[in-house]
Amino acid sequence: LEKPLCSATPVGRLSVFTDASKNNHKAAITWLSNAHWDKHTLNGTPEDSLQTLELKAVVWAFTKWSTEPLNVVSDSLYVVGVVARLEQAILKEITNQTLFQLFCQL
């Protein structure tokens, strides 16, 4: 049996926190590194929805720490649901190309 990539319980490693703002079209990721908080900000576009911005933050985190266990904390029920289900999902092409590309990156 393959070990699932997604866990409902914390993995006891690095935790990153993601958030986004539709008003300023930005997403942010923060994490504790060597006893101080680091952050990374992503710029979105006016066309980005709040869900797309939140998803961009999570994709960035998974890309940066792609080789190690990672806890992701998000206040987006949409993103948490997508990530939890994506491992077993079959993607089809969708009309929103930004969203399709983000799903493919996950």
PDB file of N, CA and C in Angstrom:
ATOM      1  N   LEU A   1       0.819  -1.188   0.000  1.00  0.00           N
ATOM      2  CA  LEU A   1       0.000   0.000   0.000  1.00  0.00           C
ATOM      3  C   LEU A   1       0.865   1.255   0.000  1.00  0.00           C
ATOM      4  N   GLU A   2       0.456   2.219  -0.811  1.00  0.00           N
ATOM      5  CA  GLU A   2       1.154   3.495  -0.833  1.00  0.00           C
ATOM      6  C   GLU A   2       0.736   4.340   0.357  1.00  0.00           C
ATOM      7  N   LYS A   3       1.699   5.077   0.908  1.00  0.00           N
ATOM      8  CA  LYS A   3       1.393   5.988   2.000  1.00  0.00           C
ATOM      9  C   LYS A   3       0.756   7.246   1.414  1.00  0.00           C
ATOM     10  N   PRO A   4      -0.380   7.691   1.950  1.00  0.00           N
ATOM     11  CA  PRO A   4      -1.024   8.888   1.407  1.00  0.00           C
ATOM     12  C   PRO A   4      -0.152  10.126   1.605  1.00  0.00           C
ATOM     13  N   LEU A   5      -0.260  11.061   0.681  1.00  0.00           N
ATOM     14  CA  LEU A   5       0.500  12.300   0.767  1.00  0.00           C
ATOM     15  C   LEU A   5      -0.145  13.299   1.719  1.00  0.00           C
ATOM     16  N   CYS A   6      -1.431  13.175   1.930  1.00  0.00           N
ATOM     17  CA  CYS A   6      -2.176  14.121   2.763  1.00  0.00           C
ATOM     18  C   CYS A   6      -2.565  13.442   4.072  1.00  0.00           C
ATOM     19  N   SER A   7      -2.391  14.167   5.180  1.00  0.00           N
ATOM     20  CA  SER A   7      -2.735  13.630   6.493  1.00  0.00           C
ATOM     21  C   SER A   7      -3.651  14.608   7.220  1.00  0.00           C
ATOM     22  N   ALA A   8      -4.636  14.084   7.912  1.00  0.00           N
ATOM     23  CA  ALA A   8      -5.546  14.938   8.685  1.00  0.00           C
ATOM     24  C   ALA A   8      -4.928  15.364  10.012  1.00  0.00           C
ATOM     25  N   THR A   9      -3.866  14.679  10.432  1.00  0.00           N
ATOM     26  CA  THR A   9      -3.188  15.037  11.677  1.00  0.00           C
ATOM     27  C   THR A   9      -1.834  15.655  11.355  1.00  0.00           C
ATOM     28  N   PRO A  10      -1.343  16.561  12.193  1.00  0.00           N
ATOM     29  CA  PRO A  10      -0.049  17.207  11.928  1.00  0.00           C
ATOM     30  C   PRO A  10       1.080  16.190  11.808  1.00  0.00           C
ATOM     31  N   VAL A  11       2.041  16.494  10.956  1.00  0.00           N
ATOM     32  CA  VAL A  11       3.153  15.577  10.706  1.00  0.00           C
ATOM     33  C   VAL A  11       4.354  15.866  11.593  1.00  0.00           C
ATOM     34  N   GLY A  12       4.266  16.868  12.470  1.00  0.00           N
ATOM     35  CA  GLY A  12       5.340  17.123  13.421  1.00  0.00           C
ATOM     36  C   GLY A  12       6.559  17.785  12.825  1.00  0.00           C
ATOM     37  N   ARG A  13       6.402  18.447  11.739  1.00  0.00           N
ATOM     38  CA  ARG A  13       7.511  19.135  11.076  1.00  0.00           C
ATOM     39  C   ARG A  13       7.175  20.604  10.904  1.00  0.00           C
ATOM     40  N   LEU A  14       7.725  21.183   9.876  1.00  0.00           N
ATOM     41  CA  LEU A  14       7.503  22.587   9.566  1.00  0.00           C
ATOM     42  C   LEU A  14       6.020  22.878   9.346  1.00  0.00           C
ATOM     43  N   SER A  15       5.555  23.976   9.916  1.00  0.00           N
ATOM     44  CA  SER A  15       4.187  24.442   9.681  1.00  0.00           C
ATOM     45  C   SER A  15       4.242  25.790   8.982  1.00  0.00           C
ATOM     46  N   VAL A  16       3.454  25.923   7.932  1.00  0.00           N
ATOM     47  CA  VAL A  16       3.343  27.202   7.232  1.00  0.00           C
ATOM     48  C   VAL A  16       1.896  27.667   7.325  1.00  0.00           C
ATOM     49  N   PHE A  17       1.735  28.971   7.363  1.00  0.00           N
ATOM     50  CA  PHE A  17       0.418  29.586   7.467  1.00  0.00           C
ATOM     51  C   PHE A  17       0.187  30.414   6.213  1.00  0.00           C
ATOM     52  N   THR A  18      -0.963  30.226   5.590  1.00  0.00           N
ATOM     53  CA  THR A  18      -1.265  30.944   4.352  1.00  0.00           C
ATOM     54  C   THR A  18      -2.504  31.808   4.543  1.00  0.00           C
ATOM     55  N   ASP A  19      -2.521  32.919   3.829  1.00  0.00           N
ATOM     56  CA  ASP A  19      -3.683  33.800   3.848  1.00  0.00           C
ATOM     57  C   ASP A  19      -3.655  34.633   2.577  1.00  0.00           C
ATOM     58  N   ALA A  20      -4.795  35.213   2.248  1.00  0.00           N
ATOM     59  CA  ALA A  20      -4.884  36.037   1.041  1.00  0.00           C
ATOM     60  C   ALA A  20      -5.885  37.154   1.254  1.00  0.00           C
ATOM     61  N   SER A  21      -5.740  38.177   0.427  1.00  0.00           N
ATOM     62  CA  SER A  21      -6.659  39.313   0.463  1.00  0.00           C
ATOM     63  C   SER A  21      -7.091  39.659  -0.952  1.00  0.00           C
ATOM     64  N   LYS A  22      -8.375  39.623  -1.178  1.00  0.00           N
ATOM     65  CA  LYS A  22      -8.906  39.997  -2.488  1.00  0.00           C
ATOM     66  C   LYS A  22      -8.776  41.500  -2.712  1.00  0.00           C
ATOM     67  N   ASN A  23      -8.859  42.285  -1.636  1.00  0.00           N
ATOM     68  CA  ASN A  23      -8.800  43.743  -1.764  1.00  0.00           C
ATOM     69  C   ASN A  23      -7.480  44.239  -2.343  1.00  0.00           C
ATOM     70  N   ASN A  24      -6.359  43.660  -1.908  1.00  0.00           N
ATOM     71  CA  ASN A  24      -5.069  44.110  -2.442  1.00  0.00           C
ATOM     72  C   ASN A  24      -4.434  43.091  -3.388  1.00  0.00           C
ATOM     73  N   HIS A  25      -5.165  42.029  -3.723  1.00  0.00           N
ATOM     74  CA  HIS A  25      -4.714  41.025  -4.699  1.00  0.00           C
ATOM     75  C   HIS A  25      -3.373  40.411  -4.300  1.00  0.00           C
ATOM     76  N   LYS A  26      -3.240  40.033  -3.033  1.00  0.00           N
ATOM     77  CA  LYS A  26      -1.999  39.434  -2.545  1.00  0.00           C
ATOM     78  C   LYS A  26      -2.302  38.187  -1.722  1.00  0.00           C
ATOM     79  N   ALA A  27      -1.319  37.314  -1.692  1.00  0.00           N
ATOM     80  CA  ALA A  27      -1.363  36.141  -0.825  1.00  0.00           C
ATOM     81  C   ALA A  27      -0.058  36.112  -0.043  1.00  0.00           C
ATOM     82  N   ALA A  28      -0.109  35.567   1.157  1.00  0.00           N
ATOM     83  CA  ALA A  28       1.081  35.537   1.999  1.00  0.00           C
ATOM     84  C   ALA A  28       1.254  34.162   2.625  1.00  0.00           C
ATOM     85  N   ILE A  29       2.522  33.821   2.829  1.00  0.00           N
ATOM     86  CA  ILE A  29       2.897  32.577   3.480  1.00  0.00           C
ATOM     87  C   ILE A  29       3.877  32.951   4.586  1.00  0.00           C
ATOM     88  N   THR A  30       3.678  32.453   5.802  1.00  0.00           N
ATOM     89  CA  THR A  30       4.608  32.700   6.900  1.00  0.00           C
ATOM     90  C   THR A  30       4.999  31.366   7.527  1.00  0.00           C
ATOM     91  N   TRP A  31       6.220  31.318   8.065  1.00  0.00           N
ATOM     92  CA  TRP A  31       6.712  30.111   8.721  1.00  0.00           C
ATOM     93  C   TRP A  31       7.828  30.489   9.685  1.00  0.00           C
ATOM     94  N   LEU A  32       8.008  29.665  10.699  1.00  0.00           N
ATOM     95  CA  LEU A  32       9.047  29.875  11.698  1.00  0.00           C
ATOM     96  C   LEU A  32      10.325  29.200  11.223  1.00  0.00           C
ATOM     97  N   SER A  33      11.399  29.990  11.145  1.00  0.00           N
ATOM     98  CA  SER A  33      12.682  29.470  10.675  1.00  0.00           C
ATOM     99  C   SER A  33      13.791  30.001  11.573  1.00  0.00           C
ATOM    100  N   ASN A  34      14.516  29.107  12.199  1.00  0.00           N
ATOM    101  CA  ASN A  34      15.619  29.500  13.081  1.00  0.00           C
ATOM    102  C   ASN A  34      15.191  30.548  14.107  1.00  0.00           C
ATOM    103  N   ALA A  35      14.094  30.306  14.776  1.00  0.00           N
ATOM    104  CA  ALA A  35      13.567  31.144  15.857  1.00  0.00           C
ATOM    105  C   ALA A  35      13.067  32.518  15.412  1.00  0.00           C
ATOM    106  N   HIS A  36      12.892  32.739  14.116  1.00  0.00           N
ATOM    107  CA  HIS A  36      12.254  33.984  13.670  1.00  0.00           C
ATOM    108  C   HIS A  36      11.277  33.672  12.538  1.00  0.00           C
ATOM    109  N   TRP A  37      10.317  34.561  12.369  1.00  0.00           N
ATOM    110  CA  TRP A  37       9.281  34.353  11.363  1.00  0.00           C
ATOM    111  C   TRP A  37       9.741  34.867  10.012  1.00  0.00           C
ATOM    112  N   ASP A  38       9.645  34.007   9.012  1.00  0.00           N
ATOM    113  CA  ASP A  38       9.907  34.390   7.624  1.00  0.00           C
ATOM    114  C   ASP A  38       8.575  34.530   6.915  1.00  0.00           C
ATOM    115  N   LYS A  39       8.592  35.248   5.803  1.00  0.00           N
ATOM    116  CA  LYS A  39       7.354  35.399   5.033  1.00  0.00           C
ATOM    117  C   LYS A  39       7.679  35.524   3.557  1.00  0.00           C
ATOM    118  N   HIS A  40       6.692  35.218   2.770  1.00  0.00           N
ATOM    119  CA  HIS A  40       6.777  35.414   1.325  1.00  0.00           C
ATOM    120  C   HIS A  40       5.417  35.934   0.872  1.00  0.00           C
ATOM    121  N   THR A  41       5.438  36.938   0.015  1.00  0.00           N
ATOM    122  CA  THR A  41       4.202  37.526  -0.489  1.00  0.00           C
ATOM    123  C   THR A  41       4.097  37.273  -1.981  1.00  0.00           C
ATOM    124  N   LEU A  42       2.924  36.893  -2.420  1.00  0.00           N
ATOM    125  CA  LEU A  42       2.653  36.674  -3.840  1.00  0.00           C
ATOM    126  C   LEU A  42       1.692  37.752  -4.326  1.00  0.00           C
ATOM    127  N   ASN A  43       1.995  38.326  -5.462  1.00  0.00           N
ATOM    128  CA  ASN A  43       1.103  39.307  -6.065  1.00  0.00           C
ATOM    129  C   ASN A  43       0.153  38.606  -7.014  1.00  0.00           C
ATOM    130  N   GLY A  44      -1.111  38.918  -6.880  1.00  0.00           N
ATOM    131  CA  GLY A  44      -2.116  38.382  -7.778  1.00  0.00           C
ATOM    132  C   GLY A  44      -2.498  39.415  -8.817  1.00  0.00           C
ATOM    133  N   THR A  45      -3.584  39.144  -9.491  1.00  0.00           N
ATOM    134  CA  THR A  45      -4.122  40.066 -10.484  1.00  0.00           C
ATOM    135  C   THR A  45      -5.546  40.433 -10.073  1.00  0.00           C
ATOM    136  N   PRO A  46      -6.081  41.511 -10.623  1.00  0.00           N
ATOM    137  CA  PRO A  46      -7.473  41.862 -10.301  1.00  0.00           C
ATOM    138  C   PRO A  46      -8.467  40.757 -10.665  1.00  0.00           C
ATOM    139  N   GLU A  47      -8.099  39.890 -11.594  1.00  0.00           N
ATOM    140  CA  GLU A  47      -8.983  38.795 -12.003  1.00  0.00           C
ATOM    141  C   GLU A  47      -8.979  37.631 -11.017  1.00  0.00           C
ATOM    142  N   ASP A  48      -7.984  37.562 -10.140  1.00  0.00           N
ATOM    143  CA  ASP A  48      -7.900  36.461  -9.179  1.00  0.00           C
ATOM    144  C   ASP A  48      -9.026  36.544  -8.155  1.00  0.00           C
ATOM    145  N   SER A  49      -9.655  35.417  -7.906  1.00  0.00           N
ATOM    146  CA  SER A  49     -10.632  35.343  -6.816  1.00  0.00           C
ATOM    147  C   SER A  49      -9.868  35.112  -5.511  1.00  0.00           C
ATOM    148  N   LEU A  50     -10.547  35.264  -4.403  1.00  0.00           N
ATOM    149  CA  LEU A  50      -9.923  34.996  -3.114  1.00  0.00           C
ATOM    150  C   LEU A  50      -9.467  33.540  -3.040  1.00  0.00           C
ATOM    151  N   GLN A  51     -10.274  32.626  -3.569  1.00  0.00           N
ATOM    152  CA  GLN A  51      -9.917  31.208  -3.554  1.00  0.00           C
ATOM    153  C   GLN A  51      -8.671  30.938  -4.393  1.00  0.00           C
ATOM    154  N   THR A  52      -8.561  31.595  -5.538  1.00  0.00           N
ATOM    155  CA  THR A  52      -7.383  31.416  -6.385  1.00  0.00           C
ATOM    156  C   THR A  52      -6.137  31.941  -5.685  1.00  0.00           C
ATOM    157  N   LEU A  53      -6.244  33.088  -5.040  1.00  0.00           N
ATOM    158  CA  LEU A  53      -5.102  33.635  -4.303  1.00  0.00           C
ATOM    159  C   LEU A  53      -4.690  32.709  -3.166  1.00  0.00           C
ATOM    160  N   GLU A  54      -5.663  32.187  -2.428  1.00  0.00           N
ATOM    161  CA  GLU A  54      -5.356  31.246  -1.343  1.00  0.00           C
ATOM    162  C   GLU A  54      -4.684  29.992  -1.899  1.00  0.00           C
ATOM    163  N   LEU A  55      -5.173  29.498  -3.017  1.00  0.00           N
ATOM    164  CA  LEU A  55      -4.596  28.306  -3.632  1.00  0.00           C
ATOM    165  C   LEU A  55      -3.176  28.575  -4.116  1.00  0.00           C
ATOM    166  N   LYS A  56      -2.921  29.764  -4.653  1.00  0.00           N
ATOM    167  CA  LYS A  56      -1.561  30.124  -5.079  1.00  0.00           C
ATOM    168  C   LYS A  56      -0.589  30.065  -3.904  1.00  0.00           C
ATOM    169  N   ALA A  57      -1.021  30.513  -2.737  1.00  0.00           N
ATOM    170  CA  ALA A  57      -0.159  30.474  -1.555  1.00  0.00           C
ATOM    171  C   ALA A  57       0.176  29.038  -1.161  1.00  0.00           C
ATOM    172  N   VAL A  58      -0.812  28.170  -1.187  1.00  0.00           N
ATOM    173  CA  VAL A  58      -0.585  26.770  -0.823  1.00  0.00           C
ATOM    174  C   VAL A  58       0.309  26.082  -1.856  1.00  0.00           C
ATOM    175  N   VAL A  59       0.088  26.346  -3.129  1.00  0.00           N
ATOM    176  CA  VAL A  59       0.940  25.773  -4.179  1.00  0.00           C
ATOM    177  C   VAL A  59       2.379  26.241  -3.993  1.00  0.00           C
ATOM    178  N   TRP A  60       2.575  27.514  -3.681  1.00  0.00           N
ATOM    179  CA  TRP A  60       3.930  28.034  -3.464  1.00  0.00           C
ATOM    180  C   TRP A  60       4.601  27.276  -2.317  1.00  0.00           C
ATOM    181  N   ALA A  61       3.874  27.067  -1.218  1.00  0.00           N
ATOM    182  CA  ALA A  61       4.438  26.356  -0.066  1.00  0.00           C
ATOM    183  C   ALA A  61       4.801  24.918  -0.423  1.00  0.00           C
ATOM    184  N   PHE A  62       3.897  24.217  -1.113  1.00  0.00           N
ATOM    185  CA  PHE A  62       4.195  22.837  -1.501  1.00  0.00           C
ATOM    186  C   PHE A  62       5.366  22.767  -2.473  1.00  0.00           C
ATOM    187  N   THR A  63       5.527  23.764  -3.300  1.00  0.00           N
ATOM    188  CA  THR A  63       6.649  23.793  -4.244  1.00  0.00           C
ATOM    189  C   THR A  63       7.959  24.058  -3.514  1.00  0.00           C
ATOM    190  N   LYS A  64       7.958  25.017  -2.602  1.00  0.00           N
ATOM    191  CA  LYS A  64       9.183  25.362  -1.867  1.00  0.00           C
ATOM    192  C   LYS A  64       9.676  24.199  -1.014  1.00  0.00           C
ATOM    193  N   TRP A  65       8.763  23.500  -0.370  1.00  0.00           N
ATOM    194  CA  TRP A  65       9.141  22.390   0.506  1.00  0.00           C
ATOM    195  C   TRP A  65       8.660  21.068  -0.082  1.00  0.00           C
ATOM    196  N   SER A  66       8.949  20.844  -1.333  1.00  0.00           N
ATOM    197  CA  SER A  66       8.416  19.673  -2.045  1.00  0.00           C
ATOM    198  C   SER A  66       9.025  18.349  -1.598  1.00  0.00           C
ATOM    199  N   THR A  67      10.152  18.384  -0.917  1.00  0.00           N
ATOM    200  CA  THR A  67      10.817  17.135  -0.546  1.00  0.00           C
ATOM    201  C   THR A  67      10.720  16.809   0.940  1.00  0.00           C
ATOM    202  N   GLU A  68       9.955  17.593   1.686  1.00  0.00           N
ATOM    203  CA  GLU A  68       9.867  17.324   3.120  1.00  0.00           C
ATOM    204  C   GLU A  68       8.425  17.407   3.615  1.00  0.00           C
ATOM    205  N   PRO A  69       8.131  16.706   4.711  1.00  0.00           N
ATOM    206  CA  PRO A  69       6.785  16.788   5.283  1.00  0.00           C
ATOM    207  C   PRO A  69       6.467  18.224   5.682  1.00  0.00           C
ATOM    208  N   LEU A  70       5.225  18.604   5.496  1.00  0.00           N
ATOM    209  CA  LEU A  70       4.843  19.997   5.691  1.00  0.00           C
ATOM    210  C   LEU A  70       3.417  20.076   6.223  1.00  0.00           C
ATOM    211  N   ASN A  71       3.220  20.874   7.261  1.00  0.00           N
ATOM    212  CA  ASN A  71       1.881  21.193   7.746  1.00  0.00           C
ATOM    213  C   ASN A  71       1.477  22.523   7.127  1.00  0.00           C
ATOM    214  N   VAL A  72       0.321  22.562   6.509  1.00  0.00           N
ATOM    215  CA  VAL A  72      -0.191  23.805   5.931  1.00  0.00           C
ATOM    216  C   VAL A  72      -1.449  24.198   6.692  1.00  0.00           C
ATOM    217  N   VAL A  73      -1.458  25.424   7.202  1.00  0.00           N
ATOM    218  CA  VAL A  73      -2.611  25.954   7.921  1.00  0.00           C
ATOM    219  C   VAL A  73      -3.225  27.045   7.056  1.00  0.00           C
ATOM    220  N   SER A  74      -4.478  26.851   6.688  1.00  0.00           N
ATOM    221  CA  SER A  74      -5.186  27.803   5.832  1.00  0.00           C
ATOM    222  C   SER A  74      -6.568  28.073   6.411  1.00  0.00           C
ATOM    223  N   ASP A  75      -7.037  29.308   6.259  1.00  0.00           N
ATOM    224  CA  ASP A  75      -8.395  29.621   6.706  1.00  0.00           C
ATOM    225  C   ASP A  75      -9.406  29.475   5.572  1.00  0.00           C
ATOM    226  N   SER A  76      -8.958  28.942   4.453  1.00  0.00           N
ATOM    227  CA  SER A  76      -9.836  28.771   3.298  1.00  0.00           C
ATOM    228  C   SER A  76     -10.397  27.348   3.265  1.00  0.00           C
ATOM    229  N   LEU A  77     -11.673  27.218   3.571  1.00  0.00           N
ATOM    230  CA  LEU A  77     -12.320  25.908   3.508  1.00  0.00           C
ATOM    231  C   LEU A  77     -12.225  25.331   2.099  1.00  0.00           C
ATOM    232  N   TYR A  78     -12.322  26.188   1.094  1.00  0.00           N
ATOM    233  CA  TYR A  78     -12.209  25.761  -0.300  1.00  0.00           C
ATOM    234  C   TYR A  78     -10.853  25.101  -0.550  1.00  0.00           C
ATOM    235  N   VAL A  79      -9.774  25.773  -0.171  1.00  0.00           N
ATOM    236  CA  VAL A  79      -8.428  25.245  -0.436  1.00  0.00           C
ATOM    237  C   VAL A  79      -8.175  23.971   0.361  1.00  0.00           C
ATOM    238  N   VAL A  80      -8.560  23.958   1.617  1.00  0.00           N
ATOM    239  CA  VAL A  80      -8.375  22.753   2.434  1.00  0.00           C
ATOM    240  C   VAL A  80      -9.120  21.576   1.815  1.00  0.00           C
ATOM    241  N   GLY A  81     -10.335  21.813   1.352  1.00  0.00           N
ATOM    242  CA  GLY A  81     -11.113  20.757   0.711  1.00  0.00           C
ATOM    243  C   GLY A  81     -10.492  20.267  -0.577  1.00  0.00           C
ATOM    244  N   VAL A  82     -10.013  21.193  -1.398  1.00  0.00           N
ATOM    245  CA  VAL A  82      -9.378  20.825  -2.669  1.00  0.00           C
ATOM    246  C   VAL A  82      -8.132  19.984  -2.419  1.00  0.00           C
ATOM    247  N   VAL A  83      -7.283  20.444  -1.515  1.00  0.00           N
ATOM    248  CA  VAL A  83      -6.033  19.723  -1.244  1.00  0.00           C
ATOM    249  C   VAL A  83      -6.323  18.336  -0.678  1.00  0.00           C
ATOM    250  N   ALA A  84      -7.294  18.239   0.207  1.00  0.00           N
ATOM    251  CA  ALA A  84      -7.626  16.944   0.808  1.00  0.00           C
ATOM    252  C   ALA A  84      -8.143  15.947  -0.222  1.00  0.00           C
ATOM    253  N   ARG A  85      -8.849  16.429  -1.235  1.00  0.00           N
ATOM    254  CA  ARG A  85      -9.452  15.538  -2.231  1.00  0.00           C
ATOM    255  C   ARG A  85      -8.582  15.310  -3.463  1.00  0.00           C
ATOM    256  N   LEU A  86      -7.615  16.163  -3.683  1.00  0.00           N
ATOM    257  CA  LEU A  86      -6.885  16.138  -4.951  1.00  0.00           C
ATOM    258  C   LEU A  86      -6.074  14.865  -5.165  1.00  0.00           C
ATOM    259  N   GLU A  87      -5.583  14.274  -4.104  1.00  0.00           N
ATOM    260  CA  GLU A  87      -4.758  13.072  -4.239  1.00  0.00           C
ATOM    261  C   GLU A  87      -5.496  11.943  -4.952  1.00  0.00           C
ATOM    262  N   GLN A  88      -6.803  11.851  -4.751  1.00  0.00           N
ATOM    263  CA  GLN A  88      -7.601  10.798  -5.372  1.00  0.00           C
ATOM    264  C   GLN A  88      -8.369  11.277  -6.601  1.00  0.00           C
ATOM    265  N   ALA A  89      -8.162  12.530  -6.988  1.00  0.00           N
ATOM    266  CA  ALA A  89      -8.961  13.120  -8.071  1.00  0.00           C
ATOM    267  C   ALA A  89      -8.348  12.869  -9.444  1.00  0.00           C
ATOM    268  N   ILE A  90      -9.199  12.855 -10.423  1.00  0.00           N
ATOM    269  CA  ILE A  90      -8.781  12.834 -11.825  1.00  0.00           C
ATOM    270  C   ILE A  90      -9.135  14.203 -12.386  1.00  0.00           C
ATOM    271  N   LEU A  91      -8.118  14.911 -12.866  1.00  0.00           N
ATOM    272  CA  LEU A  91      -8.351  16.262 -13.368  1.00  0.00           C
ATOM    273  C   LEU A  91      -8.817  16.236 -14.810  1.00  0.00           C
ATOM    274  N   LYS A  92      -9.780  17.073 -15.086  1.00  0.00           N
ATOM    275  CA  LYS A  92     -10.183  17.301 -16.464  1.00  0.00           C
ATOM    276  C   LYS A  92      -9.886  18.765 -16.752  1.00  0.00           C
ATOM    277  N   GLU A  93      -9.807  19.102 -18.004  1.00  0.00           N
ATOM    278  CA  GLU A  93      -9.538  20.498 -18.331  1.00  0.00           C
ATOM    279  C   GLU A  93     -10.750  21.341 -17.960  1.00  0.00           C
ATOM    280  N   ILE A  94     -10.474  22.481 -17.365  1.00  0.00           N
ATOM    281  CA  ILE A  94     -11.545  23.397 -16.986  1.00  0.00           C
ATOM    282  C   ILE A  94     -11.327  24.733 -17.682  1.00  0.00           C
ATOM    283  N   THR A  95     -12.371  25.537 -17.753  1.00  0.00           N
ATOM    284  CA  THR A  95     -12.281  26.783 -18.518  1.00  0.00           C
ATOM    285  C   THR A  95     -11.398  27.827 -17.852  1.00  0.00           C
ATOM    286  N   ASN A  96     -11.307  27.829 -16.535  1.00  0.00           N
ATOM    287  CA  ASN A  96     -10.453  28.780 -15.836  1.00  0.00           C
ATOM    288  C   ASN A  96      -9.014  28.261 -15.879  1.00  0.00           C
ATOM    289  N   GLN A  97      -8.224  28.804 -16.788  1.00  0.00           N
ATOM    290  CA  GLN A  97      -6.862  28.304 -16.994  1.00  0.00           C
ATOM    291  C   GLN A  97      -5.969  28.506 -15.774  1.00  0.00           C
ATOM    292  N   THR A  98      -6.157  29.593 -15.045  1.00  0.00           N
ATOM    293  CA  THR A  98      -5.363  29.818 -13.837  1.00  0.00           C
ATOM    294  C   THR A  98      -5.619  28.708 -12.827  1.00  0.00           C
ATOM    295  N   LEU A  99      -6.873  28.409 -12.607  1.00  0.00           N
ATOM    296  CA  LEU A  99      -7.243  27.354 -11.674  1.00  0.00           C
ATOM    297  C   LEU A  99      -6.743  25.993 -12.150  1.00  0.00           C
ATOM    298  N   PHE A 100      -6.872  25.717 -13.427  1.00  0.00           N
ATOM    299  CA  PHE A 100      -6.394  24.451 -13.985  1.00  0.00           C
ATOM    300  C   PHE A 100      -4.886  24.296 -13.763  1.00  0.00           C
ATOM    301  N   GLN A 101      -4.119  25.350 -14.024  1.00  0.00           N
ATOM    302  CA  GLN A 101      -2.668  25.293 -13.825  1.00  0.00           C
ATOM    303  C   GLN A 101      -2.311  25.071 -12.354  1.00  0.00           C
ATOM    304  N   LEU A 102      -3.029  25.721 -11.461  1.00  0.00           N
ATOM    305  CA  LEU A 102      -2.768  25.532 -10.033  1.00  0.00           C
ATOM    306  C   LEU A 102      -3.065  24.100  -9.600  1.00  0.00           C
ATOM    307  N   PHE A 103      -4.172  23.542 -10.075  1.00  0.00           N
ATOM    308  CA  PHE A 103      -4.489  22.148  -9.752  1.00  0.00           C
ATOM    309  C   PHE A 103      -3.401  21.214 -10.273  1.00  0.00           C
ATOM    310  N   CYS A 104      -2.914  21.464 -11.467  1.00  0.00           N
ATOM    311  CA  CYS A 104      -1.856  20.621 -12.038  1.00  0.00           C
ATOM    312  C   CYS A 104      -0.573  20.707 -11.214  1.00  0.00           C
ATOM    313  N   GLN A 105      -0.281  21.866 -10.660  1.00  0.00           N
ATOM    314  CA  GLN A 105       0.928  22.033  -9.850  1.00  0.00           C
ATOM    315  C   GLN A 105       0.827  21.312  -8.515  1.00  0.00           C
ATOM    316  N   LEU A 106      -0.384  21.167  -8.013  1.00  0.00           N
ATOM    317  CA  LEU A 106      -0.552  20.446  -6.749  1.00  0.00           C
ATOM    318  C   LEU A 106      -0.259  18.979  -6.962  1.00  0.00           C
TER     319      LEU A 106
END
